[in-house]
Amino acid sequence: MRRAFWVSLGLGAGAASAILASRWTRRQAKRVAPATIARETKGGLLDLSRLVSESIAEGRQAMADRERELHEAYDAPEDRSRVAD
């Protein structure tokens, strides 16, 4: 009776661990699939491009604000048509 109990317990534990291992393996295979990696890379590049464009816009706004401050500080006219020497 004891032997049958332990054999059935071992078989059950082995079957359960095999099922869990196969599920884990399938999940990991999906994670590293080329389509998944491409999708994640595309999302990362889109985020990066959005951050760069926002940064450039903020820089231009800060430049325009500083230029306006300097024109006001030195009472210089805001002439956008500069002549190069």
PDB file of N, CA and C in Angstrom:
ATOM      1  N   MET A   1       0.822  -1.194   0.000  1.00  0.00           N
ATOM      2  CA  MET A   1       0.000   0.000   0.000  1.00  0.00           C
ATOM      3  C   MET A   1       0.865   1.256   0.000  1.00  0.00           C
ATOM      4  N   ARG A   2       1.897   1.271   0.825  1.00  0.00           N
ATOM      5  CA  ARG A   2       2.770   2.437   0.875  1.00  0.00           C
ATOM      6  C   ARG A   2       3.498   2.633  -0.443  1.00  0.00           C
ATOM      7  N   ARG A   3       3.954   1.544  -1.014  1.00  0.00           N
ATOM      8  CA  ARG A   3       4.684   1.633  -2.269  1.00  0.00           C
ATOM      9  C   ARG A   3       3.795   2.216  -3.373  1.00  0.00           C
ATOM     10  N   ALA A   4       2.572   1.801  -3.466  1.00  0.00           N
ATOM     11  CA  ALA A   4       1.646   2.308  -4.478  1.00  0.00           C
ATOM     12  C   ALA A   4       1.397   3.803  -4.276  1.00  0.00           C
ATOM     13  N   PHE A   5       1.282   4.225  -3.026  1.00  0.00           N
ATOM     14  CA  PHE A   5       1.081   5.643  -2.726  1.00  0.00           C
ATOM     15  C   PHE A   5       2.259   6.465  -3.223  1.00  0.00           C
ATOM     16  N   TRP A   6       3.479   6.047  -2.899  1.00  0.00           N
ATOM     17  CA  TRP A   6       4.657   6.809  -3.272  1.00  0.00           C
ATOM     18  C   TRP A   6       4.903   6.781  -4.783  1.00  0.00           C
ATOM     19  N   VAL A   7       4.595   5.657  -5.414  1.00  0.00           N
ATOM     20  CA  VAL A   7       4.734   5.589  -6.868  1.00  0.00           C
ATOM     21  C   VAL A   7       3.749   6.546  -7.531  1.00  0.00           C
ATOM     22  N   SER A   8       2.507   6.533  -7.094  1.00  0.00           N
ATOM     23  CA  SER A   8       1.512   7.438  -7.684  1.00  0.00           C
ATOM     24  C   SER A   8       1.847   8.894  -7.383  1.00  0.00           C
ATOM     25  N   LEU A   9       2.358   9.176  -6.190  1.00  0.00           N
ATOM     26  CA  LEU A   9       2.764  10.544  -5.850  1.00  0.00           C
ATOM     27  C   LEU A   9       3.926  10.985  -6.734  1.00  0.00           C
ATOM     28  N   GLY A  10       4.876  10.138  -6.965  1.00  0.00           N
ATOM     29  CA  GLY A  10       6.010  10.453  -7.828  1.00  0.00           C
ATOM     30  C   GLY A  10       5.589  10.663  -9.265  1.00  0.00           C
ATOM     31  N   LEU A  11       4.690   9.802  -9.758  1.00  0.00           N
ATOM     32  CA  LEU A  11       4.185   9.972 -11.125  1.00  0.00           C
ATOM     33  C   LEU A  11       3.424  11.289 -11.274  1.00  0.00           C
ATOM     34  N   GLY A  12       2.609  11.603 -10.282  1.00  0.00           N
ATOM     35  CA  GLY A  12       1.843  12.859 -10.322  1.00  0.00           C
ATOM     36  C   GLY A  12       2.764  14.076 -10.299  1.00  0.00           C
ATOM     37  N   ALA A  13       3.775  14.051  -9.420  1.00  0.00           N
ATOM     38  CA  ALA A  13       4.714  15.168  -9.343  1.00  0.00           C
ATOM     39  C   ALA A  13       5.510  15.289 -10.641  1.00  0.00           C
ATOM     40  N   GLY A  14       5.897  14.162 -11.206  1.00  0.00           N
ATOM     41  CA  GLY A  14       6.643  14.191 -12.466  1.00  0.00           C
ATOM     42  C   GLY A  14       5.808  14.739 -13.606  1.00  0.00           C
ATOM     43  N   ALA A  15       4.551  14.305 -13.677  1.00  0.00           N
ATOM     44  CA  ALA A  15       3.671  14.806 -14.733  1.00  0.00           C
ATOM     45  C   ALA A  15       3.411  16.302 -14.576  1.00  0.00           C
ATOM     46  N   ALA A  16       3.173  16.740 -13.340  1.00  0.00           N
ATOM     47  CA  ALA A  16       2.918  18.165 -13.096  1.00  0.00           C
ATOM     48  C   ALA A  16       4.135  19.006 -13.451  1.00  0.00           C
ATOM     49  N   SER A  17       5.320  18.548 -13.063  1.00  0.00           N
ATOM     50  CA  SER A  17       6.523  19.330 -13.380  1.00  0.00           C
ATOM     51  C   SER A  17       6.806  19.317 -14.879  1.00  0.00           C
ATOM     52  N   ALA A  18       6.490  18.230 -15.571  1.00  0.00           N
ATOM     53  CA  ALA A  18       6.686  18.186 -17.022  1.00  0.00           C
ATOM     54  C   ALA A  18       5.753  19.170 -17.718  1.00  0.00           C
ATOM     55  N   ILE A  19       4.517  19.254 -17.259  1.00  0.00           N
ATOM     56  CA  ILE A  19       3.553  20.196 -17.852  1.00  0.00           C
ATOM     57  C   ILE A  19       4.004  21.629 -17.609  1.00  0.00           C
ATOM     58  N   LEU A  20       4.426  21.935 -16.374  1.00  0.00           N
ATOM     59  CA  LEU A  20       4.879  23.292 -16.061  1.00  0.00           C
ATOM     60  C   LEU A  20       6.135  23.651 -16.858  1.00  0.00           C
ATOM     61  N   ALA A  21       7.040  22.699 -16.997  1.00  0.00           N
ATOM     62  CA  ALA A  21       8.264  22.956 -17.758  1.00  0.00           C
ATOM     63  C   ALA A  21       7.952  23.195 -19.228  1.00  0.00           C
ATOM     64  N   SER A  22       7.033  22.440 -19.795  1.00  0.00           N
ATOM     65  CA  SER A  22       6.704  22.640 -21.209  1.00  0.00           C
ATOM     66  C   SER A  22       6.006  23.979 -21.423  1.00  0.00           C
ATOM     67  N   ARG A  23       5.155  24.388 -20.489  1.00  0.00           N
ATOM     68  CA  ARG A  23       4.502  25.702 -20.600  1.00  0.00           C
ATOM     69  C   ARG A  23       5.538  26.820 -20.518  1.00  0.00           C
ATOM     70  N   TRP A  24       6.477  26.695 -19.580  1.00  0.00           N
ATOM     71  CA  TRP A  24       7.521  27.696 -19.416  1.00  0.00           C
ATOM     72  C   TRP A  24       8.372  27.782 -20.679  1.00  0.00           C
ATOM     73  N   THR A  25       8.706  26.638 -21.236  1.00  0.00           N
ATOM     74  CA  THR A  25       9.519  26.599 -22.449  1.00  0.00           C
ATOM     75  C   THR A  25       8.801  27.258 -23.619  1.00  0.00           C
ATOM     76  N   ARG A  26       7.521  26.980 -23.771  1.00  0.00           N
ATOM     77  CA  ARG A  26       6.745  27.615 -24.847  1.00  0.00           C
ATOM     78  C   ARG A  26       6.701  29.122 -24.683  1.00  0.00           C
ATOM     79  N   ARG A  27       6.502  29.586 -23.439  1.00  0.00           N
ATOM     80  CA  ARG A  27       6.467  31.029 -23.176  1.00  0.00           C
ATOM     81  C   ARG A  27       7.800  31.685 -23.514  1.00  0.00           C
ATOM     82  N   GLN A  28       8.889  31.030 -23.128  1.00  0.00           N
ATOM     83  CA  GLN A  28      10.207  31.584 -23.421  1.00  0.00           C
ATOM     84  C   GLN A  28      10.480  31.607 -24.920  1.00  0.00           C
ATOM     85  N   ALA A  29      10.031  30.583 -25.629  1.00  0.00           N
ATOM     86  CA  ALA A  29      10.220  30.540 -27.082  1.00  0.00           C
ATOM     87  C   ALA A  29       9.445  31.665 -27.760  1.00  0.00           C
ATOM     88  N   LYS A  30       8.244  31.969 -27.268  1.00  0.00           N
ATOM     89  CA  LYS A  30       7.466  33.078 -27.838  1.00  0.00           C
ATOM     90  C   LYS A  30       8.146  34.411 -27.562  1.00  0.00           C
ATOM     91  N   ARG A  31       8.763  34.528 -26.370  1.00  0.00           N
ATOM     92  CA  ARG A  31       9.427  35.773 -26.007  1.00  0.00           C
ATOM     93  C   ARG A  31      10.590  36.100 -26.922  1.00  0.00           C
ATOM     94  N   VAL A  32      11.319  35.095 -27.358  1.00  0.00           N
ATOM     95  CA  VAL A  32      12.498  35.344 -28.180  1.00  0.00           C
ATOM     96  C   VAL A  32      12.240  35.088 -29.662  1.00  0.00           C
ATOM     97  N   ALA A  33      11.001  34.983 -30.037  1.00  0.00           N
ATOM     98  CA  ALA A  33      10.653  34.803 -31.450  1.00  0.00           C
ATOM     99  C   ALA A  33      11.022  36.077 -32.221  1.00  0.00           C
ATOM    100  N   PRO A  34      11.449  35.958 -33.452  1.00  0.00           N
ATOM    101  CA  PRO A  34      11.848  37.136 -34.229  1.00  0.00           C
ATOM    102  C   PRO A  34      10.756  38.199 -34.331  1.00  0.00           C
ATOM    103  N   ALA A  35       9.514  37.785 -34.464  1.00  0.00           N
ATOM    104  CA  ALA A  35       8.425  38.763 -34.581  1.00  0.00           C
ATOM    105  C   ALA A  35       8.279  39.568 -33.288  1.00  0.00           C
ATOM    106  N   THR A  36       8.412  38.905 -32.159  1.00  0.00           N
ATOM    107  CA  THR A  36       8.290  39.592 -30.869  1.00  0.00           C
ATOM    108  C   THR A  36       9.436  40.575 -30.678  1.00  0.00           C
ATOM    109  N   ILE A  37      10.643  40.131 -30.992  1.00  0.00           N
ATOM    110  CA  ILE A  37      11.799  41.011 -30.846  1.00  0.00           C
ATOM    111  C   ILE A  37      11.678  42.209 -31.778  1.00  0.00           C
ATOM    112  N   ALA A  38      11.225  41.981 -32.996  1.00  0.00           N
ATOM    113  CA  ALA A  38      11.048  43.085 -33.949  1.00  0.00           C
ATOM    114  C   ALA A  38      10.003  44.076 -33.448  1.00  0.00           C
ATOM    115  N   ARG A  39       8.910  43.564 -32.898  1.00  0.00           N
ATOM    116  CA  ARG A  39       7.854  44.437 -32.386  1.00  0.00           C
ATOM    117  C   ARG A  39       8.366  45.284 -31.233  1.00  0.00           C
ATOM    118  N   GLU A  40       9.118  44.669 -30.310  1.00  0.00           N
ATOM    119  CA  GLU A  40       9.656  45.414 -29.175  1.00  0.00           C
ATOM    120  C   GLU A  40      10.681  46.447 -29.628  1.00  0.00           C
ATOM    121  N   THR A  41      11.500  46.084 -30.609  1.00  0.00           N
ATOM    122  CA  THR A  41      12.491  47.020 -31.131  1.00  0.00           C
ATOM    123  C   THR A  41      11.815  48.197 -31.807  1.00  0.00           C
ATOM    124  N   LYS A  42      10.786  47.919 -32.579  1.00  0.00           N
ATOM    125  CA  LYS A  42      10.052  48.986 -33.266  1.00  0.00           C
ATOM    126  C   LYS A  42       9.448  49.944 -32.240  1.00  0.00           C
ATOM    127  N   GLY A  43       8.848  49.389 -31.190  1.00  0.00           N
ATOM    128  CA  GLY A  43       8.277  50.240 -30.147  1.00  0.00           C
ATOM    129  C   GLY A  43       9.336  51.092 -29.472  1.00  0.00           C
ATOM    130  N   GLY A  44      10.498  50.508 -29.222  1.00  0.00           N
ATOM    131  CA  GLY A  44      11.591  51.261 -28.602  1.00  0.00           C
ATOM    132  C   GLY A  44      12.098  52.366 -29.493  1.00  0.00           C
ATOM    133  N   LEU A  45      12.208  52.091 -30.784  1.00  0.00           N
ATOM    134  CA  LEU A  45      12.665  53.123 -31.716  1.00  0.00           C
ATOM    135  C   LEU A  45      11.646  54.248 -31.846  1.00  0.00           C
ATOM    136  N   LEU A  46      10.370  53.906 -31.836  1.00  0.00           N
ATOM    137  CA  LEU A  46       9.342  54.947 -31.904  1.00  0.00           C
ATOM    138  C   LEU A  46       9.391  55.833 -30.663  1.00  0.00           C
ATOM    139  N   ASP A  47       9.588  55.218 -29.501  1.00  0.00           N
ATOM    140  CA  ASP A  47       9.714  55.997 -28.266  1.00  0.00           C
ATOM    141  C   ASP A  47      10.938  56.908 -28.317  1.00  0.00           C
ATOM    142  N   LEU A  48      12.049  56.363 -28.802  1.00  0.00           N
ATOM    143  CA  LEU A  48      13.275  57.149 -28.893  1.00  0.00           C
ATOM    144  C   LEU A  48      13.104  58.320 -29.844  1.00  0.00           C
ATOM    145  N   SER A  49      12.494  58.089 -30.998  1.00  0.00           N
ATOM    146  CA  SER A  49      12.307  59.182 -31.956  1.00  0.00           C
ATOM    147  C   SER A  49      11.370  60.250 -31.397  1.00  0.00           C
ATOM    148  N   ARG A  50      10.365  59.824 -30.647  1.00  0.00           N
ATOM    149  CA  ARG A  50       9.456  60.801 -30.036  1.00  0.00           C
ATOM    150  C   ARG A  50      10.208  61.641 -29.003  1.00  0.00           C
ATOM    151  N   LEU A  51      11.054  61.006 -28.190  1.00  0.00           N
ATOM    152  CA  LEU A  51      11.823  61.738 -27.188  1.00  0.00           C
ATOM    153  C   LEU A  51      12.799  62.716 -27.834  1.00  0.00           C
ATOM    154  N   VAL A  52      13.434  62.299 -28.925  1.00  0.00           N
ATOM    155  CA  VAL A  52      14.375  63.186 -29.609  1.00  0.00           C
ATOM    156  C   VAL A  52      13.646  64.389 -30.197  1.00  0.00           C
ATOM    157  N   SER A  53      12.513  64.163 -30.831  1.00  0.00           N
ATOM    158  CA  SER A  53      11.783  65.295 -31.419  1.00  0.00           C
ATOM    159  C   SER A  53      11.261  66.243 -30.339  1.00  0.00           C
ATOM    160  N   GLU A  54      10.813  65.707 -29.205  1.00  0.00           N
ATOM    161  CA  GLU A  54      10.385  66.572 -28.102  1.00  0.00           C
ATOM    162  C   GLU A  54      11.559  67.372 -27.554  1.00  0.00           C
ATOM    163  N   SER A  55      12.708  66.743 -27.465  1.00  0.00           N
ATOM    164  CA  SER A  55      13.895  67.424 -26.964  1.00  0.00           C
ATOM    165  C   SER A  55      14.310  68.558 -27.890  1.00  0.00           C
ATOM    166  N   ILE A  56      14.264  68.308 -29.179  1.00  0.00           N
ATOM    167  CA  ILE A  56      14.615  69.346 -30.148  1.00  0.00           C
ATOM    168  C   ILE A  56      13.624  70.508 -30.060  1.00  0.00           C
ATOM    169  N   ALA A  57      12.344  70.208 -29.932  1.00  0.00           N
ATOM    170  CA  ALA A  57      11.332  71.262 -29.824  1.00  0.00           C
ATOM    171  C   ALA A  57      11.546  72.093 -28.555  1.00  0.00           C
ATOM    172  N   GLU A  58      11.853  71.426 -27.442  1.00  0.00           N
ATOM    173  CA  GLU A  58      12.111  72.160 -26.197  1.00  0.00           C
ATOM    174  C   GLU A  58      13.359  73.026 -26.318  1.00  0.00           C
ATOM    175  N   GLY A  59      14.381  72.507 -26.992  1.00  0.00           N
ATOM    176  CA  GLY A  59      15.607  73.287 -27.199  1.00  0.00           C
ATOM    177  C   GLY A  59      15.356  74.522 -28.032  1.00  0.00           C
ATOM    178  N   ARG A  60      14.576  74.372 -29.087  1.00  0.00           N
ATOM    179  CA  ARG A  60      14.253  75.532 -29.933  1.00  0.00           C
ATOM    180  C   ARG A  60      13.438  76.567 -29.167  1.00  0.00           C
ATOM    181  N   GLN A  61      12.511  76.100 -28.344  1.00  0.00           N
ATOM    182  CA  GLN A  61      11.704  77.028 -27.548  1.00  0.00           C
ATOM    183  C   GLN A  61      12.580  77.765 -26.534  1.00  0.00           C
ATOM    184  N   ALA A  62      13.487  77.039 -25.897  1.00  0.00           N
ATOM    185  CA  ALA A  62      14.393  77.678 -24.934  1.00  0.00           C
ATOM    186  C   ALA A  62      15.298  78.687 -25.637  1.00  0.00           C
ATOM    187  N   MET A  63      15.758  78.363 -26.842  1.00  0.00           N
ATOM    188  CA  MET A  63      16.597  79.275 -27.604  1.00  0.00           C
ATOM    189  C   MET A  63      15.827  80.552 -27.950  1.00  0.00           C
ATOM    190  N   ALA A  64      14.581  80.401 -28.385  1.00  0.00           N
ATOM    191  CA  ALA A  64      13.772  81.571 -28.732  1.00  0.00           C
ATOM    192  C   ALA A  64      13.493  82.420 -27.491  1.00  0.00           C
ATOM    193  N   ASP A  65      13.218  81.775 -26.356  1.00  0.00           N
ATOM    194  CA  ASP A  65      12.969  82.529 -25.121  1.00  0.00           C
ATOM    195  C   ASP A  65      14.213  83.310 -24.703  1.00  0.00           C
ATOM    196  N   ARG A  66      15.374  82.653 -24.786  1.00  0.00           N
ATOM    197  CA  ARG A  66      16.619  83.321 -24.388  1.00  0.00           C
ATOM    198  C   ARG A  66      16.933  84.483 -25.331  1.00  0.00           C
ATOM    199  N   GLU A  67      16.706  84.301 -26.604  1.00  0.00           N
ATOM    200  CA  GLU A  67      16.948  85.368 -27.564  1.00  0.00           C
ATOM    201  C   GLU A  67      16.038  86.563 -27.273  1.00  0.00           C
ATOM    202  N   ARG A  68      14.779  86.271 -26.956  1.00  0.00           N
ATOM    203  CA  ARG A  68      13.842  87.340 -26.604  1.00  0.00           C
ATOM    204  C   ARG A  68      14.307  88.080 -25.348  1.00  0.00           C
ATOM    205  N   GLU A  69      14.787  87.333 -24.348  1.00  0.00           N
ATOM    206  CA  GLU A  69      15.296  87.955 -23.118  1.00  0.00           C
ATOM    207  C   GLU A  69      16.477  88.876 -23.417  1.00  0.00           C
ATOM    208  N   LEU A  70      17.385  88.406 -24.267  1.00  0.00           N
ATOM    209  CA  LEU A  70      18.553  89.219 -24.601  1.00  0.00           C
ATOM    210  C   LEU A  70      18.156  90.476 -25.363  1.00  0.00           C
ATOM    211  N   HIS A  71      17.207  90.361 -26.280  1.00  0.00           N
ATOM    212  CA  HIS A  71      16.741  91.536 -27.020  1.00  0.00           C
ATOM    213  C   HIS A  71      16.113  92.541 -26.069  1.00  0.00           C
ATOM    214  N   GLU A  72      15.343  92.061 -25.101  1.00  0.00           N
ATOM    215  CA  GLU A  72      14.719  92.958 -24.128  1.00  0.00           C
ATOM    216  C   GLU A  72      15.761  93.575 -23.204  1.00  0.00           C
ATOM    217  N   ALA A  73      16.763  92.811 -22.816  1.00  0.00           N
ATOM    218  CA  ALA A  73      17.777  93.314 -21.893  1.00  0.00           C
ATOM    219  C   ALA A  73      18.636  94.400 -22.531  1.00  0.00           C
ATOM    220  N   TYR A  74      18.918  94.269 -23.802  1.00  0.00           N
ATOM    221  CA  TYR A  74      19.795  95.235 -24.471  1.00  0.00           C
ATOM    222  C   TYR A  74      19.037  96.193 -25.381  1.00  0.00           C
ATOM    223  N   ASP A  75      17.746  96.206 -25.295  1.00  0.00           N
ATOM    224  CA  ASP A  75      16.892  97.070 -26.104  1.00  0.00           C
ATOM    225  C   ASP A  75      17.247  97.002 -27.588  1.00  0.00           C
ATOM    226  N   ALA A  76      17.521  95.823 -28.042  1.00  0.00           N
ATOM    227  CA  ALA A  76      17.863  95.625 -29.454  1.00  0.00           C
ATOM    228  C   ALA A  76      16.595  95.257 -30.213  1.00  0.00           C
ATOM    229  N   PRO A  77      16.471  95.763 -31.435  1.00  0.00           N
ATOM    230  CA  PRO A  77      15.289  95.388 -32.219  1.00  0.00           C
ATOM    231  C   PRO A  77      15.384  93.912 -32.628  1.00  0.00           C
ATOM    232  N   GLU A  78      14.262  93.291 -32.699  1.00  0.00           N
ATOM    233  CA  GLU A  78      14.232  91.877 -33.084  1.00  0.00           C
ATOM    234  C   GLU A  78      14.211  91.787 -34.599  1.00  0.00           C
ATOM    235  N   ASP A  79      15.363  91.937 -35.197  1.00  0.00           N
ATOM    236  CA  ASP A  79      15.483  91.897 -36.656  1.00  0.00           C
ATOM    237  C   ASP A  79      15.901  90.491 -37.057  1.00  0.00           C
ATOM    238  N   ARG A  80      15.032  89.812 -37.751  1.00  0.00           N
ATOM    239  CA  ARG A  80      15.308  88.430 -38.154  1.00  0.00           C
ATOM    240  C   ARG A  80      16.170  88.352 -39.425  1.00  0.00           C
ATOM    241  N   SER A  81      16.283  89.474 -40.150  1.00  0.00           N
ATOM    242  CA  SER A  81      17.051  89.443 -41.402  1.00  0.00           C
ATOM    243  C   SER A  81      18.470  89.939 -41.104  1.00  0.00           C
ATOM    244  N   ARG A  82      19.314  89.067 -40.663  1.00  0.00           N
ATOM    245  CA  ARG A  82      20.700  89.417 -40.325  1.00  0.00           C
ATOM    246  C   ARG A  82      21.534  89.346 -41.604  1.00  0.00           C
ATOM    247  N   VAL A  83      22.450  90.281 -41.690  1.00  0.00           N
ATOM    248  CA  VAL A  83      23.342  90.329 -42.847  1.00  0.00           C
ATOM    249  C   VAL A  83      24.683  89.772 -42.420  1.00  0.00           C
ATOM    250  N   ALA A  84      25.162  88.772 -43.143  1.00  0.00           N
ATOM    251  CA  ALA A  84      26.467  88.193 -42.832  1.00  0.00           C
ATOM    252  C   ALA A  84      27.566  89.056 -43.407  1.00  0.00           C
ATOM    253  N   ASP A  85      28.647  89.249 -42.649  1.00  0.00           N
ATOM    254  CA  ASP A  85      29.788  90.077 -43.110  1.00  0.00           C
ATOM    255  C   ASP A  85      30.716  89.269 -43.940  1.00  0.00           C
TER     256      ASP A  85
END
